[in-house]
Amino acid sequence: MSLASKVTLTAACATSLSIIGYVHFKQQLDRDKLHEGVIKDVERQQRRKAENLYNLQQQIELTKELKKAQYENKSL
């Protein structure tokens, strides 16, 4: 085997291994980003649920106050 063919074979193997390594690295990076997106969505849903519960509690309190005020006005 000549020196030129050895160099060509080595270069081709190195290039192939580099491309394969990059593709695997990129796939793992993409998977991690997708997983982060799912985690952020779950956190956003939990935060929205907590806000909705707070708003519901505020509405309940306001309704109680309104009913109390209406009852007091009828008593007068």
PDB file of N, CA and C in Angstrom:
ATOM      1  N   MET A   1       0.845  -1.166   0.000  1.00  0.00           N
ATOM      2  CA  MET A   1       0.000   0.000   0.000  1.00  0.00           C
ATOM      3  C   MET A   1       0.897   1.237   0.000  1.00  0.00           C
ATOM      4  N   SER A   2       0.612   2.147  -0.879  1.00  0.00           N
ATOM      5  CA  SER A   2       1.448   3.326  -1.003  1.00  0.00           C
ATOM      6  C   SER A   2       1.124   4.326   0.106  1.00  0.00           C
ATOM      7  N   LEU A   3       2.015   5.258   0.285  1.00  0.00           N
ATOM      8  CA  LEU A   3       1.865   6.282   1.319  1.00  0.00           C
ATOM      9  C   LEU A   3       0.649   7.153   1.034  1.00  0.00           C
ATOM     10  N   ALA A   4       0.406   7.484  -0.205  1.00  0.00           N
ATOM     11  CA  ALA A   4      -0.736   8.327  -0.560  1.00  0.00           C
ATOM     12  C   ALA A   4      -2.054   7.636  -0.224  1.00  0.00           C
ATOM     13  N   SER A   5      -2.123   6.336  -0.486  1.00  0.00           N
ATOM     14  CA  SER A   5      -3.364   5.618  -0.184  1.00  0.00           C
ATOM     15  C   SER A   5      -3.571   5.490   1.324  1.00  0.00           C
ATOM     16  N   LYS A   6      -2.483   5.324   2.074  1.00  0.00           N
ATOM     17  CA  LYS A   6      -2.587   5.275   3.543  1.00  0.00           C
ATOM     18  C   LYS A   6      -3.078   6.609   4.096  1.00  0.00           C
ATOM     19  N   VAL A   7      -2.534   7.694   3.580  1.00  0.00           N
ATOM     20  CA  VAL A   7      -2.938   9.034   4.028  1.00  0.00           C
ATOM     21  C   VAL A   7      -4.399   9.273   3.669  1.00  0.00           C
ATOM     22  N   THR A   8      -4.794   8.886   2.487  1.00  0.00           N
ATOM     23  CA  THR A   8      -6.179   9.072   2.044  1.00  0.00           C
ATOM     24  C   THR A   8      -7.127   8.253   2.914  1.00  0.00           C
ATOM     25  N   LEU A   9      -6.781   7.017   3.181  1.00  0.00           N
ATOM     26  CA  LEU A   9      -7.607   6.152   4.023  1.00  0.00           C
ATOM     27  C   LEU A   9      -7.721   6.722   5.438  1.00  0.00           C
ATOM     28  N   THR A  10      -6.603   7.172   5.988  1.00  0.00           N
ATOM     29  CA  THR A  10      -6.603   7.754   7.326  1.00  0.00           C
ATOM     30  C   THR A  10      -7.456   9.013   7.369  1.00  0.00           C
ATOM     31  N   ALA A  11      -7.332   9.850   6.378  1.00  0.00           N
ATOM     32  CA  ALA A  11      -8.113  11.084   6.321  1.00  0.00           C
ATOM     33  C   ALA A  11      -9.609  10.780   6.190  1.00  0.00           C
ATOM     34  N   ALA A  12      -9.936   9.799   5.371  1.00  0.00           N
ATOM     35  CA  ALA A  12     -11.341   9.423   5.189  1.00  0.00           C
ATOM     36  C   ALA A  12     -11.913   8.858   6.483  1.00  0.00           C
ATOM     37  N   CYS A  13     -11.169   8.022   7.166  1.00  0.00           N
ATOM     38  CA  CYS A  13     -11.630   7.461   8.442  1.00  0.00           C
ATOM     39  C   CYS A  13     -11.794   8.547   9.491  1.00  0.00           C
ATOM     40  N   ALA A  14     -10.827   9.446   9.574  1.00  0.00           N
ATOM     41  CA  ALA A  14     -10.900  10.530  10.554  1.00  0.00           C
ATOM     42  C   ALA A  14     -12.098  11.434  10.274  1.00  0.00           C
ATOM     43  N   THR A  15     -12.324  11.735   9.001  1.00  0.00           N
ATOM     44  CA  THR A  15     -13.469  12.567   8.627  1.00  0.00           C
ATOM     45  C   THR A  15     -14.781  11.874   8.979  1.00  0.00           C
ATOM     46  N   SER A  16     -14.871  10.598   8.673  1.00  0.00           N
ATOM     47  CA  SER A  16     -16.088   9.835   8.973  1.00  0.00           C
ATOM     48  C   SER A  16     -16.350   9.796  10.473  1.00  0.00           C
ATOM     49  N   LEU A  17     -15.317   9.510  11.247  1.00  0.00           N
ATOM     50  CA  LEU A  17     -15.475   9.469  12.700  1.00  0.00           C
ATOM     51  C   LEU A  17     -15.859  10.840  13.259  1.00  0.00           C
ATOM     52  N   SER A  18     -15.295  11.888  12.691  1.00  0.00           N
ATOM     53  CA  SER A  18     -15.638  13.238  13.141  1.00  0.00           C
ATOM     54  C   SER A  18     -17.107  13.553  12.848  1.00  0.00           C
ATOM     55  N   ILE A  19     -17.554  13.196  11.675  1.00  0.00           N
ATOM     56  CA  ILE A  19     -18.956  13.452  11.297  1.00  0.00           C
ATOM     57  C   ILE A  19     -19.898  12.652  12.195  1.00  0.00           C
ATOM     58  N   ILE A  20     -19.588  11.388  12.415  1.00  0.00           N
ATOM     59  CA  ILE A  20     -20.432  10.546  13.274  1.00  0.00           C
ATOM     60  C   ILE A  20     -20.465  11.099  14.700  1.00  0.00           C
ATOM     61  N   GLY A  21     -19.305  11.488  15.207  1.00  0.00           N
ATOM     62  CA  GLY A  21     -19.241  12.067  16.557  1.00  0.00           C
ATOM     63  C   GLY A  21     -20.057  13.346  16.666  1.00  0.00           C
ATOM     64  N   TYR A  22     -19.957  14.200  15.653  1.00  0.00           N
ATOM     65  CA  TYR A  22     -20.719  15.459  15.660  1.00  0.00           C
ATOM     66  C   TYR A  22     -22.213  15.195  15.626  1.00  0.00           C
ATOM     67  N   VAL A  23     -22.648  14.246  14.798  1.00  0.00           N
ATOM     68  CA  VAL A  23     -24.075  13.941  14.691  1.00  0.00           C
ATOM     69  C   VAL A  23     -24.608  13.428  16.027  1.00  0.00           C
ATOM     70  N   HIS A  24     -23.887  12.544  16.682  1.00  0.00           N
ATOM     71  CA  HIS A  24     -24.315  12.038  17.984  1.00  0.00           C
ATOM     72  C   HIS A  24     -24.371  13.165  19.023  1.00  0.00           C
ATOM     73  N   PHE A  25     -23.367  14.022  19.012  1.00  0.00           N
ATOM     74  CA  PHE A  25     -23.338  15.157  19.940  1.00  0.00           C
ATOM     75  C   PHE A  25     -24.530  16.070  19.692  1.00  0.00           C
ATOM     76  N   LYS A  26     -24.810  16.365  18.435  1.00  0.00           N
ATOM     77  CA  LYS A  26     -25.917  17.253  18.076  1.00  0.00           C
ATOM     78  C   LYS A  26     -27.257  16.634  18.466  1.00  0.00           C
ATOM     79  N   GLN A  27     -27.423  15.330  18.254  1.00  0.00           N
ATOM     80  CA  GLN A  27     -28.660  14.658  18.644  1.00  0.00           C
ATOM     81  C   GLN A  27     -28.870  14.736  20.152  1.00  0.00           C
ATOM     82  N   GLN A  28     -27.834  14.516  20.913  1.00  0.00           N
ATOM     83  CA  GLN A  28     -27.947  14.585  22.365  1.00  0.00           C
ATOM     84  C   GLN A  28     -28.285  16.005  22.802  1.00  0.00           C
ATOM     85  N   LEU A  29     -27.679  16.991  22.184  1.00  0.00           N
ATOM     86  CA  LEU A  29     -27.963  18.388  22.497  1.00  0.00           C
ATOM     87  C   LEU A  29     -29.422  18.715  22.188  1.00  0.00           C
ATOM     88  N   ASP A  30     -29.915  18.253  21.044  1.00  0.00           N
ATOM     89  CA  ASP A  30     -31.314  18.483  20.674  1.00  0.00           C
ATOM     90  C   ASP A  30     -32.265  17.807  21.658  1.00  0.00           C
ATOM     91  N   ARG A  31     -31.950  16.585  22.069  1.00  0.00           N
ATOM     92  CA  ARG A  31     -32.790  15.880  23.053  1.00  0.00           C
ATOM     93  C   ARG A  31     -32.839  16.646  24.369  1.00  0.00           C
ATOM     94  N   ASP A  32     -31.689  17.153  24.799  1.00  0.00           N
ATOM     95  CA  ASP A  32     -31.641  17.915  26.048  1.00  0.00           C
ATOM     96  C   ASP A  32     -32.488  19.182  25.957  1.00  0.00           C
ATOM     97  N   LYS A  33     -32.421  19.870  24.821  1.00  0.00           N
ATOM     98  CA  LYS A  33     -33.221  21.078  24.630  1.00  0.00           C
ATOM     99  C   LYS A  33     -34.711  20.755  24.638  1.00  0.00           C
ATOM    100  N   LEU A  34     -35.100  19.669  23.988  1.00  0.00           N
ATOM    101  CA  LEU A  34     -36.501  19.259  23.984  1.00  0.00           C
ATOM    102  C   LEU A  34     -36.976  18.932  25.396  1.00  0.00           C
ATOM    103  N   HIS A  35     -36.130  18.252  26.156  1.00  0.00           N
ATOM    104  CA  HIS A  35     -36.488  17.894  27.530  1.00  0.00           C
ATOM    105  C   HIS A  35     -36.638  19.143  28.396  1.00  0.00           C
ATOM    106  N   GLU A  36     -35.762  20.123  28.191  1.00  0.00           N
ATOM    107  CA  GLU A  36     -35.876  21.394  28.921  1.00  0.00           C
ATOM    108  C   GLU A  36     -37.199  22.082  28.597  1.00  0.00           C
ATOM    109  N   GLY A  37     -37.616  21.995  27.342  1.00  0.00           N
ATOM    110  CA  GLY A  37     -38.888  22.588  26.936  1.00  0.00           C
ATOM    111  C   GLY A  37     -40.062  21.942  27.652  1.00  0.00           C
ATOM    112  N   VAL A  38     -40.009  20.629  27.801  1.00  0.00           N
ATOM    113  CA  VAL A  38     -41.077  19.914  28.506  1.00  0.00           C
ATOM    114  C   VAL A  38     -41.103  20.339  29.974  1.00  0.00           C
ATOM    115  N   ILE A  39     -39.941  20.436  30.581  1.00  0.00           N
ATOM    116  CA  ILE A  39     -39.866  20.846  31.986  1.00  0.00           C
ATOM    117  C   ILE A  39     -40.410  22.259  32.146  1.00  0.00           C
ATOM    118  N   LYS A  40     -40.060  23.164  31.245  1.00  0.00           N
ATOM    119  CA  LYS A  40     -40.572  24.533  31.318  1.00  0.00           C
ATOM    120  C   LYS A  40     -42.086  24.571  31.152  1.00  0.00           C
ATOM    121  N   ASP A  41     -42.620  23.728  30.261  1.00  0.00           N
ATOM    122  CA  ASP A  41     -44.072  23.676  30.074  1.00  0.00           C
ATOM    123  C   ASP A  41     -44.773  23.210  31.344  1.00  0.00           C
ATOM    124  N   VAL A  42     -44.224  22.202  31.997  1.00  0.00           N
ATOM    125  CA  VAL A  42     -44.825  21.701  33.230  1.00  0.00           C
ATOM    126  C   VAL A  42     -44.781  22.779  34.306  1.00  0.00           C
ATOM    127  N   GLU A  43     -43.647  23.473  34.423  1.00  0.00           N
ATOM    128  CA  GLU A  43     -43.537  24.553  35.406  1.00  0.00           C
ATOM    129  C   GLU A  43     -44.531  25.668  35.097  1.00  0.00           C
ATOM    130  N   ARG A  44     -44.674  26.004  33.822  1.00  0.00           N
ATOM    131  CA  ARG A  44     -45.619  27.050  33.415  1.00  0.00           C
ATOM    132  C   ARG A  44     -47.053  26.645  33.752  1.00  0.00           C
ATOM    133  N   GLN A  45     -47.394  25.383  33.520  1.00  0.00           N
ATOM    134  CA  GLN A  45     -48.732  24.895  33.845  1.00  0.00           C
ATOM    135  C   GLN A  45     -48.986  24.945  35.350  1.00  0.00           C
ATOM    136  N   GLN A  46     -47.990  24.556  36.138  1.00  0.00           N
ATOM    137  CA  GLN A  46     -48.147  24.598  37.593  1.00  0.00           C
ATOM    138  C   GLN A  46     -48.301  26.025  38.083  1.00  0.00           C
ATOM    139  N   ARG A  47     -47.527  26.939  37.513  1.00  0.00           N
ATOM    140  CA  ARG A  47     -47.614  28.350  37.902  1.00  0.00           C
ATOM    141  C   ARG A  47     -48.987  28.910  37.530  1.00  0.00           C
ATOM    142  N   ARG A  48     -49.465  28.575  36.338  1.00  0.00           N
ATOM    143  CA  ARG A  48     -50.775  29.043  35.890  1.00  0.00           C
ATOM    144  C   ARG A  48     -51.887  28.473  36.770  1.00  0.00           C
ATOM    145  N   LYS A  49     -51.735  27.208  37.168  1.00  0.00           N
ATOM    146  CA  LYS A  49     -52.728  26.585  38.042  1.00  0.00           C
ATOM    147  C   LYS A  49     -52.757  27.287  39.392  1.00  0.00           C
ATOM    148  N   ALA A  50     -51.584  27.610  39.937  1.00  0.00           N
ATOM    149  CA  ALA A  50     -51.526  28.312  41.218  1.00  0.00           C
ATOM    150  C   ALA A  50     -52.149  29.702  41.097  1.00  0.00           C
ATOM    151  N   GLU A  51     -51.892  30.390  40.005  1.00  0.00           N
ATOM    152  CA  GLU A  51     -52.487  31.712  39.798  1.00  0.00           C
ATOM    153  C   GLU A  51     -54.006  31.612  39.687  1.00  0.00           C
ATOM    154  N   ASN A  52     -54.492  30.596  38.979  1.00  0.00           N
ATOM    155  CA  ASN A  52     -55.929  30.408  38.832  1.00  0.00           C
ATOM    156  C   ASN A  52     -56.587  30.100  40.179  1.00  0.00           C
ATOM    157  N   LEU A  53     -55.925  29.284  40.993  1.00  0.00           N
ATOM    158  CA  LEU A  53     -56.464  28.990  42.315  1.00  0.00           C
ATOM    159  C   LEU A  53     -56.510  30.249  43.182  1.00  0.00           C
ATOM    160  N   TYR A  54     -55.476  31.060  43.086  1.00  0.00           N
ATOM    161  CA  TYR A  54     -55.455  32.317  43.835  1.00  0.00           C
ATOM    162  C   TYR A  54     -56.593  33.229  43.372  1.00  0.00           C
ATOM    163  N   ASN A  55     -56.757  33.347  42.061  1.00  0.00           N
ATOM    164  CA  ASN A  55     -57.839  34.184  41.529  1.00  0.00           C
ATOM    165  C   ASN A  55     -59.204  33.655  41.943  1.00  0.00           C
ATOM    166  N   LEU A  56     -59.368  32.348  41.947  1.00  0.00           N
ATOM    167  CA  LEU A  56     -60.633  31.749  42.369  1.00  0.00           C
ATOM    168  C   LEU A  56     -60.911  32.058  43.834  1.00  0.00           C
ATOM    169  N   GLN A  57     -59.886  31.958  44.655  1.00  0.00           N
ATOM    170  CA  GLN A  57     -60.049  32.269  46.082  1.00  0.00           C
ATOM    171  C   GLN A  57     -60.425  33.738  46.266  1.00  0.00           C
ATOM    172  N   GLN A  58     -59.816  34.615  45.501  1.00  0.00           N
ATOM    173  CA  GLN A  58     -60.150  36.038  45.579  1.00  0.00           C
ATOM    174  C   GLN A  58     -61.597  36.269  45.156  1.00  0.00           C
ATOM    175  N   GLN A  59     -62.039  35.594  44.119  1.00  0.00           N
ATOM    176  CA  GLN A  59     -63.420  35.726  43.660  1.00  0.00           C
ATOM    177  C   GLN A  59     -64.398  35.225  44.723  1.00  0.00           C
ATOM    178  N   ILE A  60     -64.057  34.141  45.382  1.00  0.00           N
ATOM    179  CA  ILE A  60     -64.914  33.615  46.452  1.00  0.00           C
ATOM    180  C   ILE A  60     -65.038  34.624  47.576  1.00  0.00           C
ATOM    181  N   GLU A  61     -63.904  35.216  47.961  1.00  0.00           N
ATOM    182  CA  GLU A  61     -63.923  36.232  49.023  1.00  0.00           C
ATOM    183  C   GLU A  61     -64.756  37.442  48.614  1.00  0.00           C
ATOM    184  N   LEU A  62     -64.596  37.896  47.390  1.00  0.00           N
ATOM    185  CA  LEU A  62     -65.366  39.049  46.913  1.00  0.00           C
ATOM    186  C   LEU A  62     -66.862  38.731  46.864  1.00  0.00           C
ATOM    187  N   THR A  63     -67.197  37.515  46.463  1.00  0.00           N
ATOM    188  CA  THR A  63     -68.599  37.104  46.416  1.00  0.00           C
ATOM    189  C   THR A  63     -69.195  37.097  47.818  1.00  0.00           C
ATOM    190  N   LYS A  64     -68.441  36.591  48.790  1.00  0.00           N
ATOM    191  CA  LYS A  64     -68.911  36.591  50.176  1.00  0.00           C
ATOM    192  C   LYS A  64     -69.162  38.016  50.673  1.00  0.00           C
ATOM    193  N   GLU A  65     -68.223  38.909  50.376  1.00  0.00           N
ATOM    194  CA  GLU A  65     -68.365  40.306  50.801  1.00  0.00           C
ATOM    195  C   GLU A  65     -69.581  40.952  50.134  1.00  0.00           C
ATOM    196  N   LEU A  66     -69.783  40.674  48.864  1.00  0.00           N
ATOM    197  CA  LEU A  66     -70.920  41.235  48.145  1.00  0.00           C
ATOM    198  C   LEU A  66     -72.236  40.730  48.715  1.00  0.00           C
ATOM    199  N   LYS A  67     -72.315  39.429  48.978  1.00  0.00           N
ATOM    200  CA  LYS A  67     -73.534  38.870  49.559  1.00  0.00           C
ATOM    201  C   LYS A  67     -73.789  39.447  50.943  1.00  0.00           C
ATOM    202  N   LYS A  68     -72.725  39.620  51.705  1.00  0.00           N
ATOM    203  CA  LYS A  68     -72.862  40.202  53.051  1.00  0.00           C
ATOM    204  C   LYS A  68     -73.366  41.637  52.943  1.00  0.00           C
ATOM    205  N   ALA A  69     -72.815  42.408  52.004  1.00  0.00           N
ATOM    206  CA  ALA A  69     -73.238  43.795  51.815  1.00  0.00           C
ATOM    207  C   ALA A  69     -74.692  43.861  51.335  1.00  0.00           C
ATOM    208  N   GLN A  70     -75.084  42.949  50.463  1.00  0.00           N
ATOM    209  CA  GLN A  70     -76.470  42.934  49.982  1.00  0.00           C
ATOM    210  C   GLN A  70     -77.418  42.546  51.114  1.00  0.00           C
ATOM    211  N   TYR A  71     -77.026  41.630  51.942  1.00  0.00           N
ATOM    212  CA  TYR A  71     -77.860  41.213  53.074  1.00  0.00           C
ATOM    213  C   TYR A  71     -78.017  42.353  54.061  1.00  0.00           C
ATOM    214  N   GLU A  72     -76.933  43.097  54.310  1.00  0.00           N
ATOM    215  CA  GLU A  72     -76.996  44.235  55.232  1.00  0.00           C
ATOM    216  C   GLU A  72     -77.888  45.326  54.665  1.00  0.00           C
ATOM    217  N   ASN A  73     -77.844  45.564  53.362  1.00  0.00           N
ATOM    218  CA  ASN A  73     -78.695  46.583  52.734  1.00  0.00           C
ATOM    219  C   ASN A  73     -80.179  46.185  52.808  1.00  0.00           C
ATOM    220  N   LYS A  74     -80.481  44.910  52.698  1.00  0.00           N
ATOM    221  CA  LYS A  74     -81.867  44.449  52.774  1.00  0.00           C
ATOM    222  C   LYS A  74     -82.380  44.552  54.203  1.00  0.00           C
ATOM    223  N   SER A  75     -81.495  44.370  55.173  1.00  0.00           N
ATOM    224  CA  SER A  75     -81.905  44.448  56.577  1.00  0.00           C
ATOM    225  C   SER A  75     -82.254  45.859  56.972  1.00  0.00           C
ATOM    226  N   LEU A  76     -81.655  46.845  56.346  1.00  0.00           N
ATOM    227  CA  LEU A  76     -81.904  48.232  56.688  1.00  0.00           C
ATOM    228  C   LEU A  76     -83.211  48.625  56.142  1.00  0.00           C
TER     229      LEU A  76
END
